[in-house]
């Protein structure tokens, strides 16, 4: 596994949906992170298809991915299959939001 993937994930833990006080990685919005040559490839979703902060979140994902040394580009693919649900959150996120 490319060690830059862990660095990208670390950076994605600094991206938040402005309405939810948990980062997008622990929310379970990131389905996969891959690196091919100098490009990051992120497959992700949003908590809702009509999320008003979608553009900002996607821009933040690209920016934080490209902060990793050796990553020149970032392709973010947005999907709603499978649809996001609360069970996708990390245990820490569920505790933070009072779901446990």
PDB file of N, CA and C in Angstrom:
ATOM      1  N   UNK A   1       0.845  -1.185   0.000  1.00  0.00           N
ATOM      2  CA  UNK A   1       0.000   0.000   0.000  1.00  0.00           C
ATOM      3  C   UNK A   1       0.887   1.244   0.000  1.00  0.00           C
ATOM      4  N   UNK A   2       0.505   2.226  -0.775  1.00  0.00           N
ATOM      5  CA  UNK A   2       1.247   3.476  -0.866  1.00  0.00           C
ATOM      6  C   UNK A   2       1.132   4.225   0.471  1.00  0.00           C
ATOM      7  N   UNK A   3       2.259   4.598   1.092  1.00  0.00           N
ATOM      8  CA  UNK A   3       2.206   5.280   2.392  1.00  0.00           C
ATOM      9  C   UNK A   3       1.516   6.637   2.334  1.00  0.00           C
ATOM     10  N   UNK A   4       1.378   7.201   1.147  1.00  0.00           N
ATOM     11  CA  UNK A   4       0.686   8.494   1.030  1.00  0.00           C
ATOM     12  C   UNK A   4      -0.805   8.367   1.321  1.00  0.00           C
ATOM     13  N   UNK A   5      -1.349   7.161   1.187  1.00  0.00           N
ATOM     14  CA  UNK A   5      -2.777   6.965   1.477  1.00  0.00           C
ATOM     15  C   UNK A   5      -3.060   7.300   2.939  1.00  0.00           C
ATOM     16  N   UNK A   6      -2.213   6.824   3.846  1.00  0.00           N
ATOM     17  CA  UNK A   6      -2.408   7.133   5.272  1.00  0.00           C
ATOM     18  C   UNK A   6      -2.304   8.628   5.530  1.00  0.00           C
ATOM     19  N   UNK A   7      -1.409   9.311   4.819  1.00  0.00           N
ATOM     20  CA  UNK A   7      -1.261  10.759   4.994  1.00  0.00           C
ATOM     21  C   UNK A   7      -2.487  11.501   4.468  1.00  0.00           C
ATOM     22  N   UNK A   8      -3.032  11.029   3.366  1.00  0.00           N
ATOM     23  CA  UNK A   8      -4.265  11.639   2.835  1.00  0.00           C
ATOM     24  C   UNK A   8      -5.397  11.448   3.829  1.00  0.00           C
ATOM     25  N   UNK A   9      -5.548  10.241   4.362  1.00  0.00           N
ATOM     26  CA  UNK A   9      -6.607   9.962   5.338  1.00  0.00           C
ATOM     27  C   UNK A   9      -6.441  10.862   6.566  1.00  0.00           C
ATOM     28  N   UNK A  10      -5.208  11.011   7.022  1.00  0.00           N
ATOM     29  CA  UNK A  10      -4.938  11.899   8.160  1.00  0.00           C
ATOM     30  C   UNK A  10      -5.422  13.318   7.847  1.00  0.00           C
ATOM     31  N   UNK A  11      -5.144  13.797   6.641  1.00  0.00           N
ATOM     32  CA  UNK A  11      -5.589  15.138   6.252  1.00  0.00           C
ATOM     33  C   UNK A  11      -7.107  15.210   6.120  1.00  0.00           C
ATOM     34  N   UNK A  12      -7.731  14.135   5.626  1.00  0.00           N
ATOM     35  CA  UNK A  12      -9.189  14.148   5.472  1.00  0.00           C
ATOM     36  C   UNK A  12      -9.889  14.209   6.827  1.00  0.00           C
ATOM     37  N   UNK A  13      -9.200  13.806   7.865  1.00  0.00           N
ATOM     38  CA  UNK A  13      -9.780  13.905   9.211  1.00  0.00           C
ATOM     39  C   UNK A  13      -9.844  15.358   9.692  1.00  0.00           C
ATOM     40  N   UNK A  14      -9.342  16.284   8.881  1.00  0.00           N
ATOM     41  CA  UNK A  14      -9.442  17.714   9.198  1.00  0.00           C
ATOM     42  C   UNK A  14     -10.568  18.387   8.422  1.00  0.00           C
ATOM     43  N   UNK A  15     -11.300  17.618   7.616  1.00  0.00           N
ATOM     44  CA  UNK A  15     -12.407  18.156   6.820  1.00  0.00           C
ATOM     45  C   UNK A  15     -13.717  17.823   7.533  1.00  0.00           C
ATOM     46  N   UNK A  16     -14.526  18.844   7.736  1.00  0.00           N
ATOM     47  CA  UNK A  16     -15.785  18.690   8.464  1.00  0.00           C
ATOM     48  C   UNK A  16     -16.955  19.170   7.625  1.00  0.00           C
ATOM     49  N   UNK A  17     -18.069  18.492   7.775  1.00  0.00           N
ATOM     50  CA  UNK A  17     -19.342  19.023   7.296  1.00  0.00           C
ATOM     51  C   UNK A  17     -19.681  20.128   8.291  1.00  0.00           C
ATOM     52  N   UNK A  18     -19.958  21.357   7.835  1.00  0.00           N
ATOM     53  CA  UNK A  18     -20.177  22.463   8.778  1.00  0.00           C
ATOM     54  C   UNK A  18     -21.357  22.260   9.730  1.00  0.00           C
ATOM     55  N   UNK A  19     -22.247  21.330   9.416  1.00  0.00           N
ATOM     56  CA  UNK A  19     -23.408  21.105  10.272  1.00  0.00           C
ATOM     57  C   UNK A  19     -23.200  19.967  11.266  1.00  0.00           C
ATOM     58  N   UNK A  20     -22.085  19.221  11.133  1.00  0.00           N
ATOM     59  CA  UNK A  20     -21.846  18.056  11.979  1.00  0.00           C
ATOM     60  C   UNK A  20     -20.444  18.170  12.579  1.00  0.00           C
ATOM     61  N   UNK A  21     -20.310  18.096  13.895  1.00  0.00           N
ATOM     62  CA  UNK A  21     -19.000  18.299  14.528  1.00  0.00           C
ATOM     63  C   UNK A  21     -18.083  17.070  14.512  1.00  0.00           C
ATOM     64  N   UNK A  22     -18.114  16.305  13.417  1.00  0.00           N
ATOM     65  CA  UNK A  22     -17.270  15.119  13.268  1.00  0.00           C
ATOM     66  C   UNK A  22     -16.674  15.178  11.866  1.00  0.00           C
ATOM     67  N   UNK A  23     -15.413  14.772  11.733  1.00  0.00           N
ATOM     68  CA  UNK A  23     -14.766  14.833  10.420  1.00  0.00           C
ATOM     69  C   UNK A  23     -15.398  13.843   9.442  1.00  0.00           C
ATOM     70  N   UNK A  24     -15.221  14.120   8.150  1.00  0.00           N
ATOM     71  CA  UNK A  24     -15.891  13.323   7.115  1.00  0.00           C
ATOM     72  C   UNK A  24     -15.386  11.890   7.049  1.00  0.00           C
ATOM     73  N   UNK A  25     -14.144  11.653   7.465  1.00  0.00           N
ATOM     74  CA  UNK A  25     -13.623  10.282   7.434  1.00  0.00           C
ATOM     75  C   UNK A  25     -14.312   9.439   8.515  1.00  0.00           C
ATOM     76  N   UNK A  26     -14.379   9.954   9.737  1.00  0.00           N
ATOM     77  CA  UNK A  26     -15.021   9.213  10.818  1.00  0.00           C
ATOM     78  C   UNK A  26     -16.537   9.141  10.651  1.00  0.00           C
ATOM     79  N   UNK A  27     -17.100  10.084   9.878  1.00  0.00           N
ATOM     80  CA  UNK A  27     -18.529   9.999   9.569  1.00  0.00           C
ATOM     81  C   UNK A  27     -18.818   8.840   8.617  1.00  0.00           C
ATOM     82  N   UNK A  28     -17.790   8.332   7.954  1.00  0.00           N
ATOM     83  CA  UNK A  28     -17.985   7.242   7.002  1.00  0.00           C
ATOM     84  C   UNK A  28     -18.299   7.718   5.604  1.00  0.00           C
ATOM     85  N   UNK A  29     -18.008   8.993   5.313  1.00  0.00           N
ATOM     86  CA  UNK A  29     -18.308   9.534   3.988  1.00  0.00           C
ATOM     87  C   UNK A  29     -17.259   9.158   2.944  1.00  0.00           C
ATOM     88  N   UNK A  30     -16.082   8.747   3.393  1.00  0.00           N
ATOM     89  CA  UNK A  30     -15.015   8.353   2.470  1.00  0.00           C
ATOM     90  C   UNK A  30     -15.080   6.842   2.275  1.00  0.00           C
ATOM     91  N   UNK A  31     -15.380   6.407   1.062  1.00  0.00           N
ATOM     92  CA  UNK A  31     -15.490   4.986   0.766  1.00  0.00           C
ATOM     93  C   UNK A  31     -14.142   4.378   0.399  1.00  0.00           C
ATOM     94  N   UNK A  32     -13.309   5.129  -0.315  1.00  0.00           N
ATOM     95  CA  UNK A  32     -11.983   4.606  -0.647  1.00  0.00           C
ATOM     96  C   UNK A  32     -11.024   5.739  -0.976  1.00  0.00           C
ATOM     97  N   UNK A  33      -9.737   5.469  -0.713  1.00  0.00           N
ATOM     98  CA  UNK A  33      -8.652   6.386  -1.043  1.00  0.00           C
ATOM     99  C   UNK A  33      -7.588   5.556  -1.747  1.00  0.00           C
ATOM    100  N   UNK A  34      -7.259   5.945  -2.955  1.00  0.00           N
ATOM    101  CA  UNK A  34      -6.224   5.261  -3.721  1.00  0.00           C
ATOM    102  C   UNK A  34      -5.239   6.292  -4.252  1.00  0.00           C
ATOM    103  N   UNK A  35      -4.042   5.844  -4.552  1.00  0.00           N
ATOM    104  CA  UNK A  35      -3.036   6.697  -5.169  1.00  0.00           C
ATOM    105  C   UNK A  35      -2.510   5.975  -6.393  1.00  0.00           C
ATOM    106  N   UNK A  36      -2.489   6.685  -7.502  1.00  0.00           N
ATOM    107  CA  UNK A  36      -1.960   6.161  -8.750  1.00  0.00           C
ATOM    108  C   UNK A  36      -0.996   7.208  -9.300  1.00  0.00           C
ATOM    109  N   UNK A  37       0.281   6.873  -9.343  1.00  0.00           N
ATOM    110  CA  UNK A  37       1.333   7.810  -9.724  1.00  0.00           C
ATOM    111  C   UNK A  37       1.301   9.012  -8.766  1.00  0.00           C
ATOM    112  N   UNK A  38       1.004  10.198  -9.280  1.00  0.00           N
ATOM    113  CA  UNK A  38       0.972  11.405  -8.444  1.00  0.00           C
ATOM    114  C   UNK A  38      -0.451  11.876  -8.160  1.00  0.00           C
ATOM    115  N   UNK A  39      -1.430  11.022  -8.420  1.00  0.00           N
ATOM    116  CA  UNK A  39      -2.826  11.415  -8.261  1.00  0.00           C
ATOM    117  C   UNK A  39      -3.531  10.622  -7.170  1.00  0.00           C
ATOM    118  N   UNK A  40      -4.299  11.332  -6.368  1.00  0.00           N
ATOM    119  CA  UNK A  40      -5.172  10.692  -5.394  1.00  0.00           C
ATOM    120  C   UNK A  40      -6.521  10.455  -6.057  1.00  0.00           C
ATOM    121  N   UNK A  41      -7.141   9.344  -5.699  1.00  0.00           N
ATOM    122  CA  UNK A  41      -8.481   9.029  -6.193  1.00  0.00           C
ATOM    123  C   UNK A  41      -9.339   8.740  -4.975  1.00  0.00           C
ATOM    124  N   UNK A  42     -10.327   9.579  -4.775  1.00  0.00           N
ATOM    125  CA  UNK A  42     -11.197   9.489  -3.602  1.00  0.00           C
ATOM    126  C   UNK A  42     -12.609   9.152  -4.057  1.00  0.00           C
ATOM    127  N   UNK A  43     -13.171   8.102  -3.487  1.00  0.00           N
ATOM    128  CA  UNK A  43     -14.581   7.768  -3.710  1.00  0.00           C
ATOM    129  C   UNK A  43     -15.300   8.095  -2.415  1.00  0.00           C
ATOM    130  N   UNK A  44     -16.309   8.931  -2.520  1.00  0.00           N
ATOM    131  CA  UNK A  44     -16.985   9.379  -1.302  1.00  0.00           C
ATOM    132  C   UNK A  44     -18.452   9.645  -1.551  1.00  0.00           C
ATOM    133  N   UNK A  45     -19.150   9.902  -0.463  1.00  0.00           N
ATOM    134  CA  UNK A  45     -20.559  10.245  -0.516  1.00  0.00           C
ATOM    135  C   UNK A  45     -20.797  11.441   0.381  1.00  0.00           C
ATOM    136  N   UNK A  46     -22.030  11.848   0.482  1.00  0.00           N
ATOM    137  CA  UNK A  46     -22.451  12.912   1.400  1.00  0.00           C
ATOM    138  C   UNK A  46     -23.579  12.351   2.257  1.00  0.00           C
ATOM    139  N   UNK A  47     -23.875  13.019   3.361  1.00  0.00           N
ATOM    140  CA  UNK A  47     -24.945  12.526   4.224  1.00  0.00           C
ATOM    141  C   UNK A  47     -26.304  12.624   3.539  1.00  0.00           C
ATOM    142  N   UNK A  48     -26.416  13.533   2.570  1.00  0.00           N
ATOM    143  CA  UNK A  48     -27.658  13.687   1.812  1.00  0.00           C
ATOM    144  C   UNK A  48     -27.323  14.207   0.416  1.00  0.00           C
ATOM    145  N   UNK A  49     -28.037  13.748  -0.613  1.00  0.00           N
ATOM    146  CA  UNK A  49     -27.741  14.198  -1.978  1.00  0.00           C
ATOM    147  C   UNK A  49     -27.844  15.711  -2.163  1.00  0.00           C
ATOM    148  N   UNK A  50     -28.699  16.366  -1.394  1.00  0.00           N
ATOM    149  CA  UNK A  50     -28.883  17.813  -1.538  1.00  0.00           C
ATOM    150  C   UNK A  50     -28.106  18.607  -0.488  1.00  0.00           C
ATOM    151  N   UNK A  51     -27.011  18.069  -0.019  1.00  0.00           N
ATOM    152  CA  UNK A  51     -26.186  18.717   1.008  1.00  0.00           C
ATOM    153  C   UNK A  51     -25.781  20.120   0.543  1.00  0.00           C
ATOM    154  N   UNK A  52     -26.155  21.159   1.292  1.00  0.00           N
ATOM    155  CA  UNK A  52     -25.826  22.528   0.870  1.00  0.00           C
ATOM    156  C   UNK A  52     -24.329  22.840   0.911  1.00  0.00           C
ATOM    157  N   UNK A  53     -23.558  22.054   1.626  1.00  0.00           N
ATOM    158  CA  UNK A  53     -22.116  22.298   1.739  1.00  0.00           C
ATOM    159  C   UNK A  53     -21.309  21.407   0.798  1.00  0.00           C
ATOM    160  N   UNK A  54     -21.961  20.742  -0.135  1.00  0.00           N
ATOM    161  CA  UNK A  54     -21.289  19.768  -1.001  1.00  0.00           C
ATOM    162  C   UNK A  54     -20.078  20.364  -1.719  1.00  0.00           C
ATOM    163  N   UNK A  55     -20.238  21.508  -2.359  1.00  0.00           N
ATOM    164  CA  UNK A  55     -19.125  22.098  -3.113  1.00  0.00           C
ATOM    165  C   UNK A  55     -17.940  22.396  -2.211  1.00  0.00           C
ATOM    166  N   UNK A  56     -18.210  22.920  -1.021  1.00  0.00           N
ATOM    167  CA  UNK A  56     -17.137  23.248  -0.084  1.00  0.00           C
ATOM    168  C   UNK A  56     -16.437  21.980   0.398  1.00  0.00           C
ATOM    169  N   UNK A  57     -17.191  20.956   0.711  1.00  0.00           N
ATOM    170  CA  UNK A  57     -16.606  19.700   1.199  1.00  0.00           C
ATOM    171  C   UNK A  57     -15.740  19.061   0.116  1.00  0.00           C
ATOM    172  N   UNK A  58     -16.241  19.009  -1.112  1.00  0.00           N
ATOM    173  CA  UNK A  58     -15.480  18.410  -2.207  1.00  0.00           C
ATOM    174  C   UNK A  58     -14.193  19.196  -2.469  1.00  0.00           C
ATOM    175  N   UNK A  59     -14.269  20.520  -2.419  1.00  0.00           N
ATOM    176  CA  UNK A  59     -13.068  21.357  -2.608  1.00  0.00           C
ATOM    177  C   UNK A  59     -12.069  21.100  -1.483  1.00  0.00           C
ATOM    178  N   UNK A  60     -12.556  20.959  -0.252  1.00  0.00           N
ATOM    179  CA  UNK A  60     -11.674  20.680   0.886  1.00  0.00           C
ATOM    180  C   UNK A  60     -11.006  19.316   0.750  1.00  0.00           C
ATOM    181  N   UNK A  61     -11.740  18.310   0.265  1.00  0.00           N
ATOM    182  CA  UNK A  61     -11.179  16.972   0.066  1.00  0.00           C
ATOM    183  C   UNK A  61     -10.036  17.046  -0.943  1.00  0.00           C
ATOM    184  N   UNK A  62     -10.261  17.748  -2.043  1.00  0.00           N
ATOM    185  CA  UNK A  62      -9.213  17.884  -3.056  1.00  0.00           C
ATOM    186  C   UNK A  62      -8.005  18.632  -2.484  1.00  0.00           C
ATOM    187  N   UNK A  63      -8.256  19.746  -1.814  1.00  0.00           N
ATOM    188  CA  UNK A  63      -7.172  20.554  -1.249  1.00  0.00           C
ATOM    189  C   UNK A  63      -6.344  19.759  -0.231  1.00  0.00           C
ATOM    190  N   UNK A  64      -7.013  19.083   0.689  1.00  0.00           N
ATOM    191  CA  UNK A  64      -6.301  18.345   1.736  1.00  0.00           C
ATOM    192  C   UNK A  64      -5.550  17.143   1.169  1.00  0.00           C
ATOM    193  N   UNK A  65      -6.058  16.549   0.110  1.00  0.00           N
ATOM    194  CA  UNK A  65      -5.354  15.434  -0.526  1.00  0.00           C
ATOM    195  C   UNK A  65      -4.074  15.930  -1.195  1.00  0.00           C
ATOM    196  N   UNK A  66      -4.167  17.068  -1.850  1.00  0.00           N
ATOM    197  CA  UNK A  66      -3.010  17.610  -2.568  1.00  0.00           C
ATOM    198  C   UNK A  66      -1.979  18.238  -1.637  1.00  0.00           C
ATOM    199  N   UNK A  67      -2.292  18.367  -0.357  1.00  0.00           N
ATOM    200  CA  UNK A  67      -1.307  18.843   0.617  1.00  0.00           C
ATOM    201  C   UNK A  67      -0.241  17.789   0.908  1.00  0.00           C
ATOM    202  N   UNK A  68      -0.526  16.540   0.578  1.00  0.00           N
ATOM    203  CA  UNK A  68       0.424  15.454   0.818  1.00  0.00           C
ATOM    204  C   UNK A  68       1.545  15.550  -0.220  1.00  0.00           C
ATOM    205  N   UNK A  69       2.766  15.495   0.257  1.00  0.00           N
ATOM    206  CA  UNK A  69       3.924  15.571  -0.641  1.00  0.00           C
ATOM    207  C   UNK A  69       3.872  14.452  -1.671  1.00  0.00           C
ATOM    208  N   UNK A  70       4.054  14.825  -2.928  1.00  0.00           N
ATOM    209  CA  UNK A  70       4.034  13.848  -4.006  1.00  0.00           C
ATOM    210  C   UNK A  70       2.671  13.661  -4.642  1.00  0.00           C
ATOM    211  N   UNK A  71       1.641  14.310  -4.126  1.00  0.00           N
ATOM    212  CA  UNK A  71       0.303  14.238  -4.723  1.00  0.00           C
ATOM    213  C   UNK A  71       0.071  15.538  -5.488  1.00  0.00           C
ATOM    214  N   UNK A  72      -0.034  15.406  -6.811  1.00  0.00           N
ATOM    215  CA  UNK A  72      -0.195  16.584  -7.670  1.00  0.00           C
ATOM    216  C   UNK A  72      -1.648  16.831  -8.068  1.00  0.00           C
ATOM    217  N   UNK A  73      -2.426  15.764  -8.143  1.00  0.00           N
ATOM    218  CA  UNK A  73      -3.819  15.894  -8.559  1.00  0.00           C
ATOM    219  C   UNK A  73      -4.723  15.072  -7.673  1.00  0.00           C
ATOM    220  N   UNK A  74      -6.010  15.366  -7.752  1.00  0.00           N
ATOM    221  CA  UNK A  74      -6.974  14.609  -6.957  1.00  0.00           C
ATOM    222  C   UNK A  74      -8.272  14.514  -7.728  1.00  0.00           C
ATOM    223  N   UNK A  75      -8.719  13.291  -7.930  1.00  0.00           N
ATOM    224  CA  UNK A  75     -10.007  13.052  -8.559  1.00  0.00           C
ATOM    225  C   UNK A  75     -10.975  12.592  -7.473  1.00  0.00           C
ATOM    226  N   UNK A  76     -12.004  13.381  -7.261  1.00  0.00           N
ATOM    227  CA  UNK A  76     -13.009  13.030  -6.265  1.00  0.00           C
ATOM    228  C   UNK A  76     -14.250  12.556  -7.011  1.00  0.00           C
ATOM    229  N   UNK A  77     -14.631  11.317  -6.739  1.00  0.00           N
ATOM    230  CA  UNK A  77     -15.849  10.776  -7.339  1.00  0.00           C
ATOM    231  C   UNK A  77     -16.918  10.702  -6.260  1.00  0.00           C
ATOM    232  N   UNK A  78     -18.037  11.333  -6.542  1.00  0.00           N
ATOM    233  CA  UNK A  78     -19.153  11.359  -5.604  1.00  0.00           C
ATOM    234  C   UNK A  78     -20.144  10.273  -5.997  1.00  0.00           C
ATOM    235  N   UNK A  79     -20.546   9.463  -5.028  1.00  0.00           N
ATOM    236  CA  UNK A  79     -21.519   8.404  -5.280  1.00  0.00           C
ATOM    237  C   UNK A  79     -22.556   8.379  -4.159  1.00  0.00           C
ATOM    238  N   UNK A  80     -23.695   7.863  -4.473  1.00  0.00           N
ATOM    239  CA  UNK A  80     -24.725   7.678  -3.450  1.00  0.00           C
ATOM    240  C   UNK A  80     -25.135   6.213  -3.362  1.00  0.00           C
ATOM    241  N   UNK A  81     -24.273   5.337  -3.894  1.00  0.00           N
ATOM    242  CA  UNK A  81     -24.467   3.892  -3.820  1.00  0.00           C
ATOM    243  C   UNK A  81     -23.244   3.274  -3.155  1.00  0.00           C
ATOM    244  N   UNK A  82     -23.308   2.717  -2.011  1.00  0.00           N
ATOM    245  CA  UNK A  82     -24.509   2.657  -1.182  1.00  0.00           C
ATOM    246  C   UNK A  82     -24.784   4.006  -0.520  1.00  0.00           C
ATOM    247  N   UNK A  83     -26.023   4.224  -0.205  1.00  0.00           N
ATOM    248  CA  UNK A  83     -26.401   5.459   0.478  1.00  0.00           C
ATOM    249  C   UNK A  83     -25.788   5.488   1.877  1.00  0.00           C
ATOM    250  N   UNK A  84     -25.378   6.669   2.305  1.00  0.00           N
ATOM    251  CA  UNK A  84     -24.782   6.808   3.631  1.00  0.00           C
ATOM    252  C   UNK A  84     -25.842   6.549   4.695  1.00  0.00           C
ATOM    253  N   UNK A  85     -25.422   5.896   5.769  1.00  0.00           N
ATOM    254  CA  UNK A  85     -26.293   5.700   6.929  1.00  0.00           C
ATOM    255  C   UNK A  85     -25.439   5.749   8.192  1.00  0.00           C
ATOM    256  N   UNK A  86     -26.077   5.942   9.309  1.00  0.00           N
ATOM    257  CA  UNK A  86     -25.376   6.135  10.591  1.00  0.00           C
ATOM    258  C   UNK A  86     -24.422   4.992  10.936  1.00  0.00           C
ATOM    259  N   UNK A  87     -24.735   3.788  10.495  1.00  0.00           N
ATOM    260  CA  UNK A  87     -23.881   2.644  10.835  1.00  0.00           C
ATOM    261  C   UNK A  87     -22.491   2.741  10.190  1.00  0.00           C
ATOM    262  N   UNK A  88     -22.311   3.631   9.231  1.00  0.00           N
ATOM    263  CA  UNK A  88     -21.024   3.802   8.559  1.00  0.00           C
ATOM    264  C   UNK A  88     -20.042   4.645   9.384  1.00  0.00           C
ATOM    265  N   UNK A  89     -20.544   5.271  10.422  1.00  0.00           N
ATOM    266  CA  UNK A  89     -19.692   6.112  11.266  1.00  0.00           C
ATOM    267  C   UNK A  89     -18.775   5.259  12.126  1.00  0.00           C
ATOM    268  N   UNK A  90     -17.621   5.815  12.449  1.00  0.00           N
ATOM    269  CA  UNK A  90     -16.721   5.139  13.384  1.00  0.00           C
ATOM    270  C   UNK A  90     -17.376   5.134  14.764  1.00  0.00           C
ATOM    271  N   UNK A  91     -16.895   4.253  15.619  1.00  0.00           N
ATOM    272  CA  UNK A  91     -17.420   4.194  16.984  1.00  0.00           C
ATOM    273  C   UNK A  91     -17.230   5.545  17.678  1.00  0.00           C
ATOM    274  N   UNK A  92     -16.078   6.168  17.458  1.00  0.00           N
ATOM    275  CA  UNK A  92     -15.799   7.477  18.056  1.00  0.00           C
ATOM    276  C   UNK A  92     -16.822   8.520  17.596  1.00  0.00           C
ATOM    277  N   UNK A  93     -17.159   8.504  16.317  1.00  0.00           N
ATOM    278  CA  UNK A  93     -18.133   9.460  15.788  1.00  0.00           C
ATOM    279  C   UNK A  93     -19.517   9.217  16.391  1.00  0.00           C
ATOM    280  N   UNK A  94     -19.900   7.946  16.505  1.00  0.00           N
ATOM    281  CA  UNK A  94     -21.215   7.641  17.090  1.00  0.00           C
ATOM    282  C   UNK A  94     -21.278   8.092  18.554  1.00  0.00           C
ATOM    283  N   UNK A  95     -20.171   7.914  19.283  1.00  0.00           N
ATOM    284  CA  UNK A  95     -20.125   8.388  20.669  1.00  0.00           C
ATOM    285  C   UNK A  95     -20.236   9.911  20.722  1.00  0.00           C
ATOM    286  N   UNK A  96     -19.472  10.585  19.870  1.00  0.00           N
ATOM    287  CA  UNK A  96     -19.460  12.053  19.830  1.00  0.00           C
ATOM    288  C   UNK A  96     -20.852  12.623  19.558  1.00  0.00           C
ATOM    289  N   UNK A  97     -21.603  11.937  18.682  1.00  0.00           N
ATOM    290  CA  UNK A  97     -22.923  12.429  18.297  1.00  0.00           C
ATOM    291  C   UNK A  97     -24.057  11.847  19.144  1.00  0.00           C
ATOM    292  N   UNK A  98     -23.710  11.019  20.114  1.00  0.00           N
ATOM    293  CA  UNK A  98     -24.710  10.478  21.031  1.00  0.00           C
ATOM    294  C   UNK A  98     -25.529   9.337  20.463  1.00  0.00           C
ATOM    295  N   UNK A  99     -24.980   8.591  19.516  1.00  0.00           N
ATOM    296  CA  UNK A  99     -25.707   7.464  18.930  1.00  0.00           C
ATOM    297  C   UNK A  99     -25.382   6.142  19.618  1.00  0.00           C
ATOM    298  N   UNK A 100     -24.616   6.182  20.712  1.00  0.00           N
ATOM    299  CA  UNK A 100     -24.288   4.942  21.429  1.00  0.00           C
ATOM    300  C   UNK A 100     -24.681   5.081  22.878  1.00  0.00           C
TER     301      UNK A 100
END
